[in-house]
C-alpha cells in the first residue's frame, strides 16, 4: 500500500513540473500556456479585447458593469411585463402557476411576470351565435336537411327544425366559463339541441309553425338557462330563436295537402260557430225585447194604477169638504167621457105648429170636417 502511495505522489509531481515548463513536451514555442504562444493564448487575448472595448477606459471592470446594466434592464422589462389593462367590456382572470387567484374588473392591473402568473382577458359583452339544424348532413339524402334538426313532433310527424341560440359570458361567471367546461360552445349547442328536441316532441307541428313559436322560444330559453346554471357554465342565454319548422322534402306536398284540408275544416267550423253565435245573439235580442216590453207595460200599469189611486184620494178629499159640488162635477166629467165616444142628435124642445121636429145632424157635419 505504501509503495502505491509513493508512485502516485511521484506521478503528481511530474505533472506539476511539466505544467511549470520543466520537461515541456511541446517545447518553448509550442506551449499554449506560455505568453504569446498557441491558439489558446490568442483566444484569451481576443476575449480581453472584446470586454475592454465596452468600457470607457478599456478595463475589464467596465465589462462587468455593462453586463450588470444589461441584466438590470432585462429585470426591469421583465417586471413591467406584468402590467395589463382590462377594458370596460372585459374581465381579467389571473392564474398563478395555472391556478385561479382572482378576477379583475376594468382598469389597469398588475400580476407577477411570467412564468409565475399569467392573465387571461375575456370579453363579457360579445354575443355568441350557434345555429342548430342548418348545417348539411353527410348521410342525409336531402342536402337541406341536417341530422341534428330532424325531430319528431307531438302529433307523430317528422319535421326539420332550425333554430339559433344567442349567448354570452355572465359578468360574474368568467372563471366558471374558463375552467368548468373544456368547450363551452359545444356544450351549449348540445344541450340546446336536446332541450329543443324534447319541446318539439311534445308540440304539434302546426302549433310550432304558427302561434306557438313564441311559446316554444320562451320555454327553450328558460330550460336551457336552468341547465347552464346547474352545470355552472358561467353562461347567460340571451335568446332562443326558432327559425323554421318544416316537414321533410319527400313528404312536404302531402303534408301541405293535409294542411289545406285542415284549414278548410277549420274554416267550416268557424263559419258554423259564427252562424250559431249569430242565431243565439238574435234569439237573445228578441228575448230581451220581449222582456223589456213586458217590464215597460208593467211599469205603465203600475204607475197608472198609482196615479188613479192618488187621483181618487184627491177627489175623495174634496168630496168631504163639498159633497154637492164634487158630486155634480163627477157627474159632468163622467157624462163628458161617455158622450165623447158616441154619436149625438140634438132635438129642440119646442115643437112648431106644423108638427115637424128640429134635427141637427152634428155627427155628419163632424165626419165631413174630419174628411176635409
Protein backbone atom coordinates (compact mmCIF):
# COMPACT_ATOMS: atom_id res chain seq x y z
CA UNK A 1 0.00 0.00 0.00
CA UNK A 2 2.89 2.38 0.87
CA UNK A 3 4.54 1.64 -2.48
CA UNK A 4 1.37 2.52 -4.39
CA UNK A 5 1.07 5.84 -2.49
CA UNK A 6 4.69 6.75 -3.31
CA UNK A 7 4.14 6.02 -7.01
CA UNK A 8 1.03 8.28 -7.07
CA UNK A 9 2.94 11.17 -5.43
CA UNK A 10 5.76 10.88 -7.94
CA UNK A 11 3.37 10.96 -10.88
CA UNK A 12 1.65 14.05 -9.44
CA UNK A 13 4.95 15.89 -9.04
CA UNK A 14 5.91 15.12 -12.61
CA UNK A 15 2.62 16.67 -13.86
CA UNK A 16 3.29 19.84 -11.85
CA UNK A 17 6.82 20.12 -13.23
CA UNK A 18 5.55 19.72 -16.79
CA UNK A 19 2.96 22.50 -16.22
CA UNK A 20 5.80 24.81 -14.99
CA UNK A 21 7.82 24.21 -18.09
CA UNK A 22 10.21 21.57 -16.98
CA UNK A 23 10.46 18.66 -19.37
CA UNK A 24 7.99 20.51 -21.60
CA UNK A 25 6.84 18.11 -24.31
CA UNK A 26 5.59 20.96 -26.55
CA UNK A 27 8.77 22.95 -26.33
CA UNK A 28 9.25 26.64 -25.62
CA UNK A 29 7.43 27.82 -28.72
CA UNK A 30 4.54 25.36 -28.73
CA UNK A 31 3.41 25.63 -25.07
CA UNK A 32 -0.18 27.02 -25.19
CA UNK A 33 0.01 28.25 -21.60
CA UNK A 34 3.01 30.50 -22.21
CA UNK A 35 2.59 34.15 -23.14
CA UNK A 36 2.36 34.68 -26.86
CA UNK A 37 2.24 31.04 -27.74
CA UNK A 38 -0.53 28.78 -29.07
CA UNK A 39 -4.16 29.28 -30.12
CA UNK A 40 -5.46 29.21 -26.51
CA UNK A 41 -3.46 32.27 -25.67
CA UNK A 42 -4.77 34.06 -28.78
CA UNK A 43 -8.34 33.22 -27.78
CA UNK A 44 -7.73 34.63 -24.32
CA UNK A 45 -6.38 37.86 -25.78
CA UNK A 46 -9.43 38.24 -28.03
CA UNK A 47 -11.80 37.89 -25.06
CA UNK A 48 -9.86 40.53 -23.14
CA UNK A 49 -10.02 42.95 -26.06
CA UNK A 50 -13.78 42.33 -26.50
CA UNK A 51 -14.68 43.15 -22.90
CA UNK A 52 -12.20 46.00 -22.60
CA UNK A 53 -13.67 47.66 -25.71
CA UNK A 54 -17.08 48.03 -23.98
CA UNK A 55 -15.70 50.07 -21.10
CA UNK A 56 -14.90 53.77 -21.20
CA UNK A 57 -11.25 53.10 -20.33
CA UNK A 58 -10.95 49.69 -21.86
CA UNK A 59 -10.66 47.94 -18.48
CA UNK A 60 -12.14 44.57 -17.58
CA UNK A 61 -14.20 46.14 -14.73
CA UNK A 62 -16.25 48.11 -17.23
CA UNK A 63 -17.23 44.90 -18.97
CA UNK A 64 -18.79 43.59 -15.77
CA UNK A 65 -20.58 46.93 -15.29
CA UNK A 66 -22.05 46.66 -18.79
CA UNK A 67 -23.23 43.14 -18.12
CA UNK A 68 -24.80 44.29 -14.85
CA UNK A 69 -26.56 47.15 -16.61
CA UNK A 70 -27.96 44.80 -19.23
CA UNK A 71 -29.18 42.44 -16.54
CA UNK A 72 -30.82 45.33 -14.67
CA UNK A 73 -32.65 46.48 -17.82
CA UNK A 74 -33.77 42.94 -18.51
CA UNK A 75 -35.12 42.56 -14.96
CA UNK A 76 -37.00 45.88 -15.19
CA UNK A 77 -38.55 44.93 -18.51
CA UNK A 78 -39.49 41.55 -17.05
CA UNK A 79 -41.15 43.20 -14.06
CA UNK A 80 -43.00 45.74 -16.22
CA UNK A 81 -44.37 42.92 -18.37
CA UNK A 82 -46.73 42.10 -15.50
CA UNK A 83 -48.83 45.23 -16.15
CA UNK A 84 -52.04 44.58 -18.10
CA UNK A 85 -55.20 46.54 -18.87
CA UNK A 86 -58.82 45.40 -18.78
CA UNK A 87 -61.45 47.23 -20.87
CA UNK A 88 -64.93 48.04 -19.51
CA UNK A 89 -66.42 45.16 -21.52
CA UNK A 90 -63.80 42.65 -20.32
CA UNK A 91 -62.71 40.79 -17.22
CA UNK A 92 -59.17 39.67 -16.40
CA UNK A 93 -58.60 36.25 -14.79
CA UNK A 94 -55.21 35.94 -13.05
CA UNK A 95 -53.64 32.47 -12.79
CA UNK A 96 -50.69 31.61 -10.57
CA UNK A 97 -48.91 28.52 -11.87
CA UNK A 98 -52.15 27.63 -13.68
CA UNK A 99 -54.39 28.06 -10.62
CA UNK A 100 -57.06 30.76 -10.37
CA UNK A 101 -56.13 33.59 -7.99
CA UNK A 102 -58.54 36.45 -8.68
CA UNK A 103 -60.70 38.14 -11.30
CA UNK A 104 -60.01 41.80 -12.05
CA UNK A 105 -62.51 44.32 -13.36
CA UNK A 106 -61.96 47.22 -15.75
CA UNK A 107 -58.78 49.26 -15.29
CA UNK A 108 -55.01 48.90 -15.07
CA UNK A 109 -53.76 45.90 -13.03
CA UNK A 110 -50.55 44.12 -12.16
CA UNK A 111 -49.64 40.47 -11.96
CA UNK A 112 -46.42 38.66 -11.29
CA UNK A 113 -44.44 38.26 -14.53
CA UNK A 114 -44.32 35.02 -16.45
CA UNK A 115 -43.86 32.19 -15.51
CA UNK A 116 -45.24 32.93 -12.04
CA UNK A 117 -48.58 34.40 -13.06
CA UNK A 118 -50.50 34.97 -16.29
CA UNK A 119 -53.66 36.94 -17.10
CA UNK A 120 -56.49 35.84 -19.39
CA UNK A 121 -58.58 38.80 -20.58
CA UNK A 122 -62.07 37.69 -21.66
CA UNK A 123 -64.88 39.75 -23.19
CA UNK A 124 -68.26 39.55 -21.43
CA UNK A 125 -70.37 41.58 -23.87
CA UNK A 126 -69.72 39.63 -27.05
CA UNK A 127 -72.88 37.76 -28.05
CA UNK A 128 -72.05 34.34 -29.49
CA UNK A 129 -74.31 32.65 -32.03
CA UNK A 130 -74.95 28.94 -32.52
CA UNK A 131 -77.07 27.78 -35.49
CA UNK A 132 -78.57 24.34 -34.98
CA UNK A 133 -80.23 22.36 -37.74
CA UNK A 134 -78.90 24.45 -40.62
CA UNK A 135 -75.70 22.51 -41.29
CA UNK A 136 -75.85 20.00 -44.13
CA UNK A 137 -75.80 16.34 -43.27
CA UNK A 138 -73.23 13.93 -44.71
CA UNK A 139 -75.58 10.98 -44.60
CA UNK A 140 -78.92 12.58 -45.35
CA UNK A 141 -80.36 12.36 -48.83
CA UNK A 142 -81.78 15.85 -48.62
CA UNK A 143 -78.96 18.43 -48.81
CA UNK A 144 -81.07 20.95 -46.92
CA UNK A 145 -81.71 18.57 -44.04
CA UNK A 146 -79.43 18.35 -41.01
CA UNK A 147 -79.47 15.26 -38.84
CA UNK A 148 -79.49 17.34 -35.68
CA UNK A 149 -82.52 19.28 -36.98
CA UNK A 150 -84.68 16.25 -37.83
CA UNK A 151 -87.13 15.90 -34.94
CA UNK A 152 -90.38 14.07 -34.14
CA UNK A 153 -93.28 16.36 -33.23
CA UNK A 154 -96.00 15.82 -30.69
CA UNK A 155 -98.50 14.70 -33.35
CA UNK A 156 -96.10 12.00 -34.67
CA UNK A 157 -94.82 13.98 -37.67
CA UNK A 158 -91.23 14.40 -38.80
CA UNK A 159 -90.04 18.00 -39.03
CA UNK A 160 -86.82 19.76 -39.96
CA UNK A 161 -86.28 22.28 -37.17
CA UNK A 162 -83.72 25.06 -37.41
CA UNK A 163 -83.13 27.49 -34.55
CA UNK A 164 -80.48 29.87 -33.24
CA UNK A 165 -79.08 30.26 -29.73
CA UNK A 166 -77.59 33.61 -28.69
CA UNK A 167 -75.45 33.52 -25.54
CA UNK A 168 -72.71 35.43 -23.76
CA UNK A 169 -70.47 35.15 -20.71
CA UNK A 170 -72.01 36.39 -17.49
CA UNK A 171 -70.39 39.28 -15.67
CA UNK A 172 -69.61 37.19 -12.59
CA UNK A 173 -69.06 33.89 -14.38
CA UNK A 174 -65.79 34.30 -16.29
CA UNK A 175 -63.84 31.83 -14.14
CA UNK A 176 -66.68 29.28 -14.42
CA UNK A 177 -66.69 29.71 -18.20
CA UNK A 178 -62.91 29.16 -18.42
CA UNK A 179 -62.49 26.21 -16.05
CA UNK A 180 -65.79 24.29 -15.74
CA UNK A 181 -66.06 23.16 -19.37
CA UNK A 182 -63.47 22.33 -21.99
CA UNK A 183 -65.61 23.51 -24.93
CA UNK A 184 -68.46 25.74 -23.69
CA UNK A 185 -69.85 26.45 -27.16
CA UNK A 186 -70.11 22.73 -27.93
CA UNK A 187 -71.81 22.12 -24.59
CA UNK A 188 -74.33 24.94 -25.15
CA UNK A 189 -75.18 23.61 -28.63
CA UNK A 190 -75.61 20.01 -27.45
CA UNK A 191 -77.83 20.98 -24.51
CA UNK A 192 -79.90 23.34 -26.70
CA UNK A 193 -80.49 20.60 -29.26
CA UNK A 194 -81.58 18.15 -26.56
CA UNK A 195 -84.00 20.65 -24.97
CA UNK A 196 -85.49 21.71 -28.31
CA UNK A 197 -85.95 18.07 -29.30
CA UNK A 198 -87.86 17.44 -26.06
CA UNK A 199 -90.10 20.50 -26.53
CA UNK A 200 -90.87 19.77 -30.20
CA UNK A 201 -91.64 16.16 -29.21
CA UNK A 202 -94.48 17.49 -27.05
CA UNK A 203 -95.76 20.12 -29.50
CA UNK A 204 -97.89 19.64 -32.65
CA UNK A 205 -96.16 20.80 -35.79
CA UNK A 206 -98.93 23.21 -36.76
CA UNK A 207 -98.75 24.90 -33.36
CA UNK A 208 -94.97 25.22 -33.56
CA UNK A 209 -95.25 26.74 -37.05
CA UNK A 210 -97.80 29.42 -36.15
CA UNK A 211 -98.95 30.85 -32.83
CA UNK A 212 -96.81 28.56 -30.67
CA UNK A 213 -93.46 29.82 -31.96
CA UNK A 214 -93.04 32.42 -29.21
CA UNK A 215 -94.07 29.97 -26.51
CA UNK A 216 -91.53 27.40 -27.76
CA UNK A 217 -88.76 30.04 -27.78
CA UNK A 218 -89.50 31.18 -24.23
CA UNK A 219 -89.72 27.62 -22.90
CA UNK A 220 -86.45 26.59 -24.57
CA UNK A 221 -84.60 29.66 -23.26
CA UNK A 222 -85.82 29.08 -19.70
CA UNK A 223 -84.88 25.40 -19.68
CA UNK A 224 -81.51 26.00 -21.33
CA UNK A 225 -80.62 28.69 -18.79
CA UNK A 226 -81.57 26.32 -15.98
CA UNK A 227 -79.22 23.63 -17.29
CA UNK A 228 -76.39 26.16 -17.72
CA UNK A 229 -76.85 27.29 -14.12
CA UNK A 230 -76.89 23.68 -12.96
CA UNK A 231 -73.63 22.97 -14.80
CA UNK A 232 -72.11 26.26 -13.52
CA UNK A 233 -71.02 27.23 -17.01
CA UNK A 234 -70.96 30.97 -16.39
CA UNK A 235 -73.13 31.44 -19.49
CA UNK A 236 -76.18 33.66 -19.95
CA UNK A 237 -78.69 32.64 -22.64
CA UNK A 238 -79.69 35.87 -24.36
CA UNK A 239 -82.31 34.45 -26.74
CA UNK A 240 -83.51 31.31 -28.49
CA UNK A 241 -84.97 31.96 -31.95
CA UNK A 242 -86.95 29.25 -33.72
CA UNK A 243 -86.20 29.86 -37.40
CA UNK A 244 -88.07 27.21 -39.35
CA UNK A 245 -90.27 24.15 -38.76
CA UNK A 246 -90.94 22.26 -41.99
CA UNK A 247 -91.63 18.63 -42.90
CA UNK A 248 -89.02 16.72 -44.96
CA UNK A 249 -88.96 17.48 -48.68
CA UNK A 250 -90.05 13.95 -49.59
CA UNK A 251 -93.45 14.38 -47.87
CA UNK A 252 -93.89 18.14 -47.99
CA UNK A 253 -96.51 18.01 -50.80
CA UNK A 254 -98.67 15.53 -48.93
CA UNK A 255 -98.19 17.48 -45.75
CA UNK A 256 -99.37 20.66 -47.42
CA UNK A 257 -102.44 18.86 -48.77
CA UNK A 258 -103.25 17.79 -45.23
CA UNK A 259 -102.69 21.35 -44.05
CA UNK A 260 -105.09 22.69 -46.67
CA UNK A 261 -107.72 20.12 -45.71
CA UNK A 262 -107.31 21.03 -42.06
CA UNK A 263 -107.57 24.71 -42.95
CA UNK A 264 -110.82 24.07 -44.89
CA UNK A 265 -112.17 22.06 -41.99
CA UNK A 266 -111.30 24.79 -39.57
CA UNK A 267 -112.89 27.39 -41.84
CA UNK A 268 -116.14 25.43 -41.97
CA UNK A 269 -116.09 25.05 -38.21
CA UNK A 270 -115.51 28.77 -37.80
CA UNK A 271 -118.39 29.60 -40.16
CA UNK A 272 -120.71 27.24 -38.28
CA UNK A 273 -119.66 28.75 -35.00
CA UNK A 274 -120.25 32.24 -36.39
CA UNK A 275 -123.75 31.26 -37.61
CA UNK A 276 -124.57 29.66 -34.26
CA UNK A 277 -123.37 32.74 -32.45
CA UNK A 278 -125.48 34.95 -34.77
CA UNK A 279 -128.66 32.91 -34.21
CA UNK A 280 -128.09 32.82 -30.49
CA UNK A 281 -127.46 36.56 -30.41
CA UNK A 282 -130.65 37.21 -32.42
CA UNK A 283 -132.69 34.98 -30.11
CA UNK A 284 -131.21 36.71 -27.10
CA UNK A 285 -132.12 40.05 -28.66
CA UNK A 286 -135.74 39.00 -29.21
CA UNK A 287 -135.99 37.64 -25.71
CA UNK A 288 -134.55 40.84 -24.34
CA UNK A 289 -137.01 42.91 -26.39
CA UNK A 290 -139.99 40.94 -25.11
CA UNK A 291 -138.76 41.18 -21.55
CA UNK A 292 -138.20 44.93 -21.88
CA UNK A 293 -141.67 45.48 -23.37
CA UNK A 294 -143.26 43.46 -20.60
CA UNK A 295 -141.35 45.37 -17.97
CA UNK A 296 -142.35 48.67 -19.63
CA UNK A 297 -146.01 47.63 -19.71
CA UNK A 298 -145.80 46.51 -16.14
CA UNK A 299 -144.33 49.84 -15.15
CA UNK A 300 -147.03 51.73 -17.08
CA UNK A 301 -149.82 49.76 -15.40
CA UNK A 302 -148.29 50.24 -12.01
CA UNK A 303 -147.81 53.97 -12.50
CA UNK A 304 -151.34 54.33 -13.98
CA UNK A 305 -152.85 52.50 -11.03
CA UNK A 306 -150.88 54.57 -8.62
CA UNK A 307 -151.98 57.77 -10.41
CA UNK A 308 -155.63 56.66 -10.42
CA UNK A 309 -155.47 55.83 -6.75
CA UNK A 310 -153.86 59.17 -5.97
CA UNK A 311 -156.49 60.97 -8.07
CA UNK A 312 -159.28 59.12 -6.30
CA UNK A 313 -157.82 60.09 -2.95
CA UNK A 314 -157.61 63.74 -4.02
CA UNK A 315 -161.25 63.71 -5.27
CA UNK A 316 -162.41 61.99 -2.10
CA UNK A 317 -160.73 64.65 -0.02
CA UNK A 318 -162.53 67.39 -1.98
CA UNK A 319 -165.83 65.47 -1.70
CA UNK A 320 -165.57 65.52 2.05
CA UNK A 321 -165.32 69.30 2.06
CA UNK A 322 -168.07 69.98 -0.59
CA UNK A 323 -170.16 66.90 -1.36
CA UNK A 324 -172.76 68.53 -3.66
CA UNK A 325 -170.33 70.41 -5.83
CA UNK A 326 -167.99 67.46 -6.06
CA UNK A 327 -170.83 65.06 -6.96
CA UNK A 328 -172.05 67.34 -9.71
CA UNK A 329 -168.52 67.73 -11.06
CA UNK A 330 -168.05 64.00 -11.08
CA UNK A 331 -171.35 63.56 -12.92
CA UNK A 332 -170.40 66.10 -15.56
CA UNK A 333 -166.94 64.64 -16.10
CA UNK A 334 -168.42 61.15 -16.38
CA UNK A 335 -171.01 62.23 -18.93
CA UNK A 336 -168.29 64.04 -20.86
CA UNK A 337 -166.29 60.86 -21.10
CA UNK A 338 -169.34 58.86 -22.18
CA UNK A 339 -170.70 61.30 -24.74
CA UNK A 340 -167.29 61.96 -26.28
CA UNK A 341 -167.30 58.44 -27.71
CA UNK A 342 -170.88 58.29 -29.08
CA UNK A 343 -172.95 59.91 -31.83
CA UNK A 344 -175.26 62.67 -30.63
CA UNK A 345 -178.54 64.00 -32.03
CA UNK A 346 -179.87 67.30 -30.70
CA UNK A 347 -183.67 67.79 -30.70
CA UNK A 348 -185.26 71.14 -29.88
CA UNK A 349 -187.70 71.29 -27.02
CA UNK A 350 -190.15 73.48 -28.89
CA UNK A 351 -192.48 71.87 -31.45
CA UNK A 352 -193.85 74.11 -34.17
CA UNK A 353 -197.44 74.18 -35.36
CA UNK A 354 -196.61 72.23 -38.45
CA UNK A 355 -195.71 69.22 -36.28
CA UNK A 356 -192.07 68.88 -37.60
CA UNK A 357 -189.13 68.02 -35.37
CA UNK A 358 -185.98 70.17 -35.48
CA UNK A 359 -182.97 67.98 -36.32
CA UNK A 360 -179.36 68.97 -36.36
CA UNK A 361 -177.02 66.27 -37.89
CA UNK A 362 -173.92 67.10 -35.92
CA UNK A 363 -172.24 63.69 -36.42
CA UNK A 364 -172.40 64.00 -40.21
CA UNK A 365 -171.02 67.51 -40.05
CA UNK A 366 -168.18 66.34 -37.83
CA UNK A 367 -167.48 63.43 -40.22
CA UNK A 368 -167.26 65.81 -43.20
CA UNK A 369 -164.95 68.10 -41.31
CA UNK A 370 -162.66 65.13 -40.48
CA UNK A 371 -162.59 64.00 -44.14
CA UNK A 372 -161.70 67.52 -45.30
